Amino acid sequence: MMKKYYIITYGCQMNFSDLERIASVLEDISYKPASKMDEANLIVVNMCSVRQSAVDRVYGQVKNFLKLKRRNPKLKTLLTGCVLKSDLRKFKEKFDYILSIKSLPHWKKFLKKDKYFYYPILRGSTSLLRLNLNRLDCAYLKTQPKYRTKFSAYVPIIIGCNNFCTYCVVPYTRGQEISRPAKDILKEIKDLAKKGYKEIWLLGENVNSYKSQNTKIAIGGTYGNFNITNFAKLLKMINKIPGDFWIRFTSSHPKDFSDELIRTIAECEKVTKYISLPIQSGDNEILKEMNRPYIVKDYKNLVKKIRKKIPNVTLSTDIIVGFLGETKKQFENTIKLLKAIKPDMAYIAQYSPRPGTAAAKMKDSVSHQEKERRDKVLTEVLKKTALENNKKYIGKMVEVLPEYERKDWLIGKTREYKTIKFKPVNKKLIGKFVKVKVTNAIPWGLKGKLVKKRG
């Protein structure tokens, strides 16, 4: 009987990058992807404990698994990903296997023992709870990914986080920062460029704290020793790799966004002018409570500096509404900030306590209804600023990478990371650079007309 797997992933781009490596490991031991969950012999849940909503969705899936197991008793389920210890304890009886994503290179050793896996040490056990994440490195990233597309790829450069924001679980689920060796990153991107990939995402919980030792790598056909010690220098090295591709990255911390990095983004042709720069709150007291080591004035000055050096930059930010004790006045400060910086996009989250974080020990005094209201207020502000920014593109020619077709439109992203849909539809253009003239703007994107294929 053919063995099939089905992967369910929640969370950020890093989790989706991990998905590609999980798929590669499973296919190395003769598993084939299932098109539907009920066709699978193995269901992998690659979860994220960063938000309670994602955890709740996993519980919803567990109910589905019970129904599927009644029809197929040999079905096995496996939990991995970015998972809090408290969530692991809750799920240990719900899954057949709980495995650390960082132990991915070792999965094969027991997953192929027989066609239905038998590994009693991990089955239904809490062995992962005793695992010290900081003792594991990023060796699992050496696993060759099974990229989901032939034109866009995720390349993790750093895992973990050292910042310990009071609301965030990442240091507890991913461990503290470990930078991937520069030579491995450059090799992977060189291979992608040779295969014709057009968009390469550099990933990390905080990419601009990347650090690496000296390395020797071939760039443009010649070898040289490069003292790559920070993210800006890494970008310069990637920019020198031959090929026609864009470089994107996420996510950044304002405290680590140096003048050198701003200059590098401005000067490197392949680095797209899109920056994700989370602020989280527009109130200094709340920022302090969040353990964000900057004040609003610092952030505004940084945005001003970025826009002066990179005039056509697209800026997105993250904001949490209803953080512990956030008063109406403090929320008003966030509204003022959003109106002042006029971001192109803001990812707004309603605060929910996460077990194990410093904030979880304090009282969550803002009601769910009030969080909903504040979310809607900020969304309305964002709609106005985003529309204002997008209208500046009307009549202009933009470079676009089409990603898919939907309802008689081709949909993709501009170089500046604006979502755009355009006609006429030609599926052969998906994954190839094209020129599009912008004809209309809406808050969340652009509309346009195809002018020509670029390459």
Protein backbone atom coordinates (compact mmCIF):
# COMPACT_ATOMS: atom_id res chain seq x y z
CA MET A 1 0.00 0.00 0.00
CA MET A 2 1.29 3.44 -0.92
CA LYS A 3 2.10 5.55 2.13
CA LYS A 4 0.78 9.12 2.00
CA TYR A 5 1.29 12.17 4.20
CA TYR A 6 -0.69 15.35 4.75
CA ILE A 7 0.80 18.41 6.49
CA ILE A 8 -1.25 21.08 8.24
CA THR A 9 0.74 24.23 9.04
CA TYR A 10 -0.11 27.26 11.16
CA GLY A 11 2.04 30.30 11.88
CA CYS A 12 4.58 32.48 10.13
CA GLN A 13 6.80 32.00 7.06
CA MET A 14 9.33 30.13 9.22
CA ASN A 15 6.76 27.42 9.88
CA PHE A 16 5.98 27.18 6.16
CA SER A 17 9.70 26.88 5.47
CA ASP A 18 9.84 24.03 7.99
CA LEU A 19 6.92 22.42 6.15
CA GLU A 20 9.10 22.19 3.02
CA ARG A 21 11.81 20.33 4.94
CA ILE A 22 9.32 18.01 6.63
CA ALA A 23 7.92 17.09 3.21
CA SER A 24 11.44 16.37 1.97
CA VAL A 25 12.19 14.02 4.88
CA LEU A 26 8.93 12.12 4.43
CA GLU A 27 9.41 11.71 0.69
CA ASP A 28 12.93 10.42 1.29
CA ILE A 29 11.36 7.43 3.05
CA SER A 30 8.85 6.77 0.27
CA TYR A 31 5.89 8.81 1.41
CA LYS A 32 3.83 10.60 -1.22
CA PRO A 33 1.79 13.77 -0.65
CA ALA A 34 -1.94 13.26 -0.18
CA SER A 35 -4.26 15.71 -1.88
CA LYS A 36 -6.81 15.37 0.92
CA MET A 37 -6.47 14.68 4.63
CA ASP A 38 -8.67 11.57 4.54
CA GLU A 39 -6.30 9.94 2.02
CA ALA A 40 -3.28 10.10 4.37
CA ASN A 41 -1.60 7.43 6.46
CA LEU A 42 0.25 10.12 8.38
CA ILE A 43 -1.02 13.59 9.29
CA VAL A 44 1.58 16.07 10.49
CA VAL A 45 0.46 19.19 12.36
CA ASN A 46 3.15 21.86 12.20
CA MET A 47 1.74 24.23 14.79
CA CYS A 48 2.40 27.63 16.29
CA SER A 49 1.84 28.53 19.95
CA VAL A 50 2.39 32.26 19.40
CA ARG A 51 -1.35 32.95 19.38
CA GLN A 52 -4.13 31.16 21.20
CA SER A 53 -6.25 31.21 18.04
CA ALA A 54 -3.73 28.93 16.31
CA VAL A 55 -3.73 26.55 19.29
CA ASP A 56 -7.54 26.45 19.21
CA ARG A 57 -7.42 25.49 15.53
CA VAL A 58 -5.24 22.50 16.39
CA TYR A 59 -7.85 21.35 18.90
CA GLY A 60 -10.39 21.59 16.09
CA GLN A 61 -8.21 19.37 13.92
CA VAL A 62 -7.87 16.79 16.70
CA LYS A 63 -11.64 16.28 16.56
CA ASN A 64 -11.35 15.62 12.83
CA PHE A 65 -8.58 13.09 13.46
CA LEU A 66 -10.81 11.07 15.78
CA LYS A 67 -13.42 10.76 13.02
CA LEU A 68 -10.77 9.78 10.48
CA LYS A 69 -9.28 7.17 12.81
CA ARG A 70 -12.66 5.49 13.15
CA ARG A 71 -12.56 4.94 9.37
CA ASN A 72 -8.81 4.22 9.26
CA PRO A 73 -7.47 2.80 12.56
CA LYS A 74 -3.92 2.69 11.14
CA LEU A 75 -3.82 6.48 10.66
CA LYS A 76 -1.00 8.11 12.65
CA THR A 77 -0.74 11.74 13.76
CA LEU A 78 2.40 13.72 14.54
CA LEU A 79 2.77 17.10 16.23
CA THR A 80 5.76 19.40 15.67
CA GLY A 81 6.57 23.05 15.15
CA CYS A 82 6.75 26.09 17.38
CA VAL A 83 5.07 24.65 20.49
CA LEU A 84 4.97 25.77 24.11
CA LYS A 85 5.65 23.19 26.82
CA SER A 86 2.21 23.82 28.31
CA ASP A 87 0.59 23.09 24.93
CA LEU A 88 2.72 19.96 24.51
CA ARG A 89 1.43 18.63 27.82
CA LYS A 90 -2.14 19.22 26.69
CA PHE A 91 -1.60 17.54 23.32
CA LYS A 92 0.56 14.57 24.42
CA GLU A 93 -2.44 12.22 24.58
CA LYS A 94 -3.99 13.62 21.40
CA PHE A 95 -1.14 12.70 19.00
CA ASP A 96 0.73 9.48 18.31
CA TYR A 97 4.05 11.32 18.05
CA ILE A 98 5.42 14.63 19.31
CA LEU A 99 8.75 15.56 17.70
CA SER A 100 10.91 18.64 17.86
CA ILE A 101 11.34 20.32 14.48
CA LYS A 102 15.00 20.82 15.37
CA SER A 103 15.40 17.02 15.53
CA LEU A 104 14.17 16.70 11.92
CA PRO A 105 17.42 15.05 10.65
CA HIS A 106 16.73 12.14 13.03
CA TRP A 107 13.09 11.57 12.08
CA LYS A 108 13.99 9.05 9.39
CA LYS A 109 15.64 6.71 11.90
CA PHE A 110 12.34 5.69 13.40
CA LEU A 111 9.68 6.79 10.89
CA LYS A 112 10.88 4.12 8.47
CA LYS A 113 11.13 1.31 11.04
CA ASP A 114 7.88 -0.10 9.69
CA LYS A 115 5.13 1.15 7.48
CA TYR A 116 3.04 2.39 10.40
CA PHE A 117 5.95 3.63 12.59
CA TYR A 118 6.63 2.28 16.02
CA TYR A 119 8.74 4.35 18.34
CA PRO A 120 7.60 3.71 21.92
CA ILE A 121 9.97 6.23 23.54
CA LEU A 122 8.20 9.11 21.82
CA ARG A 123 4.72 7.72 21.31
CA GLY A 124 2.36 9.50 23.68
CA SER A 125 5.28 10.48 25.89
CA THR A 126 6.54 13.77 27.26
CA SER A 127 10.13 13.22 26.18
CA LEU A 128 10.14 16.43 24.18
CA LEU A 129 9.25 18.38 27.31
CA ARG A 130 12.66 17.57 28.73
CA LEU A 131 14.46 18.70 25.59
CA ASN A 132 16.65 21.77 26.04
CA LEU A 133 16.03 23.71 22.83
CA ASN A 134 19.15 25.80 23.28
CA ARG A 135 21.32 22.68 23.03
CA LEU A 136 20.01 22.03 19.54
CA ASP A 137 21.48 24.00 16.69
CA CYS A 138 20.07 24.80 13.26
CA ALA A 139 21.51 21.68 11.62
CA TYR A 140 18.01 20.64 10.56
CA LEU A 141 18.13 23.49 8.04
CA LYS A 142 20.69 21.47 6.08
CA THR A 143 17.80 19.24 5.02
CA GLN A 144 17.08 19.96 1.36
CA PRO A 145 13.58 21.51 1.21
CA LYS A 146 10.84 20.43 -1.16
CA TYR A 147 10.03 23.95 -2.34
CA ARG A 148 6.33 24.57 -2.85
CA THR A 149 6.80 26.61 -6.02
CA LYS A 150 9.38 26.86 -8.77
CA PHE A 151 9.77 30.62 -8.50
CA SER A 152 9.60 31.66 -4.82
CA ALA A 153 11.58 30.16 -1.93
CA TYR A 154 12.01 30.64 1.81
CA VAL A 155 15.60 30.58 3.11
CA PRO A 156 15.92 30.70 6.93
CA ILE A 157 19.05 32.54 8.09
CA ILE A 158 18.54 32.67 11.86
CA ILE A 159 16.27 30.83 14.29
CA GLY A 160 15.20 31.76 17.79
CA CYS A 161 15.09 35.10 19.56
CA ASN A 162 16.96 36.77 22.43
CA ASN A 163 14.61 39.70 23.00
CA PHE A 164 12.10 38.18 25.46
CA CYS A 165 9.25 40.59 24.79
CA THR A 166 6.88 40.02 27.70
CA TYR A 167 4.00 38.84 25.48
CA CYS A 168 5.98 36.54 23.16
CA VAL A 169 6.65 32.80 23.37
CA VAL A 170 9.25 32.53 20.58
CA PRO A 171 12.31 32.34 22.90
CA TYR A 172 10.55 29.45 24.69
CA THR A 173 9.46 27.56 21.56
CA ARG A 174 12.32 28.26 19.14
CA GLY A 175 15.05 28.83 21.70
CA GLN A 176 17.52 31.69 21.66
CA GLU A 177 19.18 33.01 18.51
CA ILE A 178 21.33 30.72 16.41
CA SER A 179 22.59 32.06 13.08
CA ARG A 180 22.88 29.69 10.18
CA PRO A 181 26.39 29.55 8.66
CA ALA A 182 26.72 32.09 5.86
CA LYS A 183 28.28 29.53 3.51
CA ASP A 184 25.16 27.35 3.79
CA ILE A 185 22.86 30.30 3.09
CA LEU A 186 24.87 31.46 0.10
CA LYS A 187 25.10 27.96 -1.34
CA GLU A 188 21.33 27.46 -1.10
CA ILE A 189 20.64 30.80 -2.77
CA LYS A 190 23.21 30.17 -5.52
CA ASP A 191 21.45 26.88 -6.29
CA LEU A 192 18.05 28.61 -6.34
CA ALA A 193 19.35 31.33 -8.65
CA LYS A 194 20.73 28.71 -11.07
CA LYS A 195 17.30 27.05 -11.14
CA GLY A 196 15.69 30.36 -12.09
CA TYR A 197 13.96 31.27 -8.84
CA LYS A 198 12.67 34.84 -8.93
CA GLU A 199 11.89 35.61 -5.29
CA ILE A 200 13.97 34.60 -2.27
CA TRP A 201 12.79 35.32 1.27
CA LEU A 202 15.38 35.49 4.05
CA LEU A 203 13.66 34.40 7.24
CA GLY A 204 14.21 34.82 10.95
CA GLU A 205 12.39 35.94 14.05
CA ASN A 206 14.83 38.86 13.96
CA VAL A 207 16.86 38.80 10.75
CA ASN A 208 18.81 41.96 11.49
CA SER A 209 20.49 40.43 14.53
CA TYR A 210 22.11 37.85 12.23
CA LYS A 211 25.76 37.09 12.99
CA SER A 212 28.19 34.76 11.24
CA GLN A 213 31.84 33.79 11.34
CA ASN A 214 34.34 34.28 8.51
CA THR A 215 33.59 32.09 5.54
CA LYS A 216 34.90 31.19 2.12
CA ILE A 217 32.35 31.05 -0.67
CA ALA A 218 32.23 31.33 -4.43
CA ILE A 219 30.42 34.44 -5.62
CA GLY A 220 30.15 35.18 -9.32
CA GLY A 221 32.53 32.36 -10.21
CA THR A 222 35.41 33.46 -7.95
CA TYR A 223 36.30 32.49 -4.40
CA GLY A 224 37.06 34.93 -1.63
CA ASN A 225 37.17 35.25 2.11
CA PHE A 226 34.32 37.35 3.46
CA ASN A 227 34.06 38.51 7.04
CA ILE A 228 30.27 38.33 7.20
CA THR A 229 29.47 39.54 10.68
CA ASN A 230 26.04 41.04 10.28
CA PHE A 231 22.87 41.07 8.21
CA ALA A 232 23.87 44.03 6.04
CA LYS A 233 27.04 42.29 4.89
CA LEU A 234 25.11 39.10 4.20
CA LEU A 235 22.69 41.05 1.98
CA LYS A 236 25.63 42.47 0.02
CA MET A 237 27.00 38.97 -0.59
CA ILE A 238 23.63 37.67 -1.76
CA ASN A 239 23.21 40.70 -4.00
CA LYS A 240 26.42 39.69 -5.82
CA ILE A 241 25.13 36.22 -6.69
CA PRO A 242 24.46 36.04 -10.46
CA GLY A 243 20.83 35.74 -11.47
CA ASP A 244 17.64 37.69 -11.99
CA PHE A 245 15.86 37.51 -8.65
CA TRP A 246 14.45 39.60 -5.83
CA ILE A 247 15.63 39.44 -2.21
CA ARG A 248 13.03 39.93 0.51
CA PHE A 249 13.35 39.49 4.27
CA THR A 250 11.29 39.34 7.42
CA SER A 251 11.09 40.17 10.26
CA SER A 252 13.06 43.06 11.75
CA HIS A 253 13.37 44.58 15.20
CA PRO A 254 13.59 48.40 15.34
CA LYS A 255 16.41 48.29 17.90
CA ASP A 256 18.70 46.48 15.43
CA PHE A 257 17.92 48.49 12.30
CA SER A 258 21.28 50.17 11.71
CA ASP A 259 22.31 52.96 9.35
CA GLU A 260 24.50 50.41 7.58
CA LEU A 261 21.47 48.22 6.93
CA ILE A 262 19.44 51.15 5.59
CA ARG A 263 22.26 52.06 3.18
CA THR A 264 22.59 48.44 2.07
CA ILE A 265 18.89 48.11 1.27
CA ALA A 266 19.00 51.37 -0.66
CA GLU A 267 22.09 50.42 -2.65
CA CYS A 268 21.54 46.72 -3.41
CA GLU A 269 19.61 46.32 -6.65
CA LYS A 270 18.18 42.89 -5.85
CA VAL A 271 16.99 43.80 -2.35
CA THR A 272 13.37 44.89 -2.69
CA LYS A 273 12.27 48.05 -0.93
CA TYR A 274 9.86 46.40 1.47
CA ILE A 275 10.46 46.52 5.21
CA SER A 276 8.46 44.90 7.98
CA LEU A 277 9.14 46.95 11.11
CA PRO A 278 6.91 46.00 14.07
CA ILE A 279 6.11 48.81 16.51
CA GLN A 280 3.53 46.86 18.64
CA SER A 281 2.22 49.98 20.42
CA GLY A 282 2.22 53.74 20.01
CA ASP A 283 2.49 54.38 23.76
CA ASN A 284 5.80 54.53 25.62
CA GLU A 285 4.47 53.02 28.85
CA ILE A 286 3.00 50.06 27.00
CA LEU A 287 6.25 49.59 25.06
CA LYS A 288 8.11 49.46 28.36
CA GLU A 289 5.64 46.88 29.71
CA MET A 290 6.22 44.86 26.53
CA ASN A 291 10.02 45.02 27.05
CA ARG A 292 10.44 46.79 23.70
CA PRO A 293 13.70 48.78 24.16
CA TYR A 294 12.75 51.95 22.28
CA ILE A 295 10.28 54.78 22.58
CA VAL A 296 7.84 56.11 20.00
CA LYS A 297 10.14 59.00 19.11
CA ASP A 298 12.94 56.54 18.29
CA TYR A 299 10.65 54.57 16.02
CA LYS A 300 9.36 57.66 14.20
CA ASN A 301 12.93 58.90 13.68
CA LEU A 302 13.90 55.50 12.26
CA VAL A 303 10.97 55.55 9.84
CA LYS A 304 11.92 59.08 8.80
CA LYS A 305 15.52 58.00 8.20
CA ILE A 306 14.42 54.97 6.16
CA ARG A 307 12.07 56.99 3.97
CA LYS A 308 14.71 59.66 3.36
CA LYS A 309 17.24 57.07 2.14
CA ILE A 310 14.65 54.79 0.42
CA PRO A 311 11.90 57.11 -0.88
CA ASN A 312 9.83 54.36 -2.54
CA VAL A 313 9.89 51.99 0.44
CA THR A 314 6.81 49.99 1.40
CA LEU A 315 6.49 49.85 5.17
CA SER A 316 4.46 47.39 7.19
CA THR A 317 4.20 47.14 10.95
CA ASP A 318 2.70 44.93 13.68
CA ILE A 319 0.46 46.24 16.43
CA ILE A 320 -1.05 44.55 19.48
CA VAL A 321 -4.30 46.04 20.79
CA GLY A 322 -5.57 45.56 24.33
CA PHE A 323 -2.23 44.72 25.91
CA LEU A 324 -2.29 44.48 29.70
CA GLY A 325 -3.94 47.52 31.21
CA GLU A 326 -3.91 49.49 27.94
CA THR A 327 -6.07 52.55 28.65
CA LYS A 328 -8.15 54.38 26.10
CA LYS A 329 -5.63 57.22 26.17
CA GLN A 330 -2.76 54.81 25.49
CA PHE A 331 -4.73 53.33 22.63
CA GLU A 332 -5.30 56.84 21.26
CA ASN A 333 -1.51 57.22 21.16
CA THR A 334 -1.33 54.17 18.90
CA ILE A 335 -3.94 55.72 16.62
CA LYS A 336 -1.86 58.92 16.47
CA LEU A 337 1.26 56.95 15.60
CA LEU A 338 -0.48 55.02 12.84
CA LYS A 339 -1.74 58.26 11.33
CA ALA A 340 1.72 59.80 11.59
CA ILE A 341 3.80 57.01 10.01
CA LYS A 342 1.14 56.08 7.41
CA PRO A 343 2.17 52.44 6.90
CA ASP A 344 1.21 50.55 3.77
CA MET A 345 0.09 47.64 5.91
CA ALA A 346 -0.31 46.83 9.59
CA TYR A 347 -0.86 43.39 11.04
CA ILE A 348 -3.15 43.99 14.01
CA ALA A 349 -3.44 41.36 16.74
CA GLN A 350 -5.69 41.29 19.78
CA TYR A 351 -3.62 40.48 22.85
CA SER A 352 -4.09 37.03 24.33
CA PRO A 353 -1.99 35.80 27.29
CA ARG A 354 0.48 33.05 26.45
CA PRO A 355 1.53 30.63 29.21
CA GLY A 356 5.13 30.96 30.35
CA THR A 357 5.58 34.58 29.30
CA ALA A 358 6.11 37.41 31.77
CA ALA A 359 2.86 39.07 30.72
CA ALA A 360 0.86 35.92 31.51
CA LYS A 361 1.51 36.53 35.21
CA MET A 362 -0.33 39.85 35.06
CA LYS A 363 -4.05 40.50 34.83
CA ASP A 364 -5.55 40.86 31.35
CA SER A 365 -7.86 43.78 32.16
CA VAL A 366 -9.07 44.74 28.65
CA SER A 367 -12.27 42.95 27.66
CA HIS A 368 -12.58 40.91 24.47
CA GLN A 369 -15.26 43.30 23.22
CA GLU A 370 -12.98 46.29 23.74
CA LYS A 371 -10.13 44.55 21.93
CA GLU A 372 -12.48 43.90 19.02
CA ARG A 373 -13.48 47.57 18.96
CA ARG A 374 -9.88 48.79 19.01
CA ASP A 375 -8.97 46.34 16.25
CA LYS A 376 -11.75 47.76 14.06
CA VAL A 377 -10.75 51.37 14.80
CA LEU A 378 -7.12 50.74 13.77
CA THR A 379 -8.25 48.84 10.69
CA GLU A 380 -10.28 51.86 9.56
CA VAL A 381 -7.28 54.15 10.07
CA LEU A 382 -5.10 51.72 8.14
CA LYS A 383 -7.57 51.54 5.26
CA LYS A 384 -7.25 55.29 4.79
CA THR A 385 -3.44 55.44 4.98
CA ALA A 386 -3.03 52.34 2.78
CA LEU A 387 -5.40 53.74 0.14
CA GLU A 388 -3.57 57.07 0.21
CA ASN A 389 -0.26 55.27 -0.36
CA ASN A 390 -1.64 53.01 -3.09
CA LYS A 391 -3.17 55.87 -5.07
CA LYS A 392 0.36 57.16 -5.72
CA TYR A 393 0.88 54.17 -8.03
CA ILE A 394 -2.02 54.94 -10.38
CA GLY A 395 -0.72 55.49 -13.91
CA LYS A 396 2.72 54.10 -13.08
CA MET A 397 4.48 51.06 -14.52
CA VAL A 398 5.38 48.44 -11.91
CA GLU A 399 7.38 45.24 -11.95
CA VAL A 400 5.26 42.25 -10.88
CA LEU A 401 5.79 38.59 -10.09
CA PRO A 402 2.46 36.83 -10.81
CA GLU A 403 1.70 34.05 -8.31
CA TYR A 404 -1.68 32.56 -9.25
CA GLU A 405 -4.94 33.03 -11.15
CA ARG A 406 -8.25 33.80 -9.47
CA LYS A 407 -11.60 34.73 -11.01
CA ASP A 408 -10.21 35.81 -14.38
CA TRP A 409 -7.34 37.82 -12.89
CA LEU A 410 -3.65 37.14 -12.51
CA ILE A 411 -2.59 38.03 -8.97
CA GLY A 412 0.90 38.71 -7.72
CA LYS A 413 3.18 41.09 -5.87
CA THR A 414 4.98 44.16 -7.08
CA ARG A 415 8.64 44.66 -6.34
CA GLU A 416 7.49 46.89 -3.45
CA TYR A 417 5.33 44.02 -2.13
CA LYS A 418 2.00 45.48 -3.15
CA THR A 419 -0.69 42.95 -4.03
CA ILE A 420 -1.89 43.56 -7.58
CA LYS A 421 -4.38 41.86 -9.88
CA PHE A 422 -4.31 42.43 -13.61
CA LYS A 423 -5.53 41.31 -17.01
CA PRO A 424 -5.32 39.74 -19.53
CA VAL A 425 -4.84 36.32 -17.93
CA ASN A 426 -2.01 34.16 -19.22
CA LYS A 427 -1.10 31.29 -16.87
CA LYS A 428 2.27 30.92 -18.58
CA LEU A 429 3.30 34.21 -16.96
CA ILE A 430 2.99 32.82 -13.42
CA GLY A 431 6.44 32.87 -11.83
CA LYS A 432 7.90 35.25 -14.43
CA PHE A 433 8.56 38.97 -14.11
CA VAL A 434 6.14 41.20 -16.03
CA LYS A 435 5.46 44.90 -16.42
CA VAL A 436 2.00 46.11 -15.41
CA LYS A 437 0.45 49.56 -15.64
CA VAL A 438 -1.55 50.44 -12.52
CA THR A 439 -5.08 51.57 -13.37
CA ASN A 440 -6.77 51.60 -9.97
CA ALA A 441 -6.05 51.44 -6.24
CA ILE A 442 -7.94 49.99 -3.29
CA PRO A 443 -6.85 49.91 0.37
CA TRP A 444 -5.42 46.41 0.19
CA GLY A 445 -3.96 46.43 -3.29
CA LEU A 446 -3.77 47.60 -6.88
CA LYS A 447 -5.40 46.80 -10.20
CA GLY A 448 -3.65 47.01 -13.52
CA LYS A 449 -3.19 46.03 -17.14
CA LEU A 450 -0.41 43.81 -18.45
CA VAL A 451 2.07 45.67 -20.59
CA LYS A 452 4.76 43.08 -21.31
CA LYS A 453 6.77 40.18 -20.01
CA ARG A 454 10.11 41.30 -18.58
CA GLY A 455 12.01 38.06 -18.31
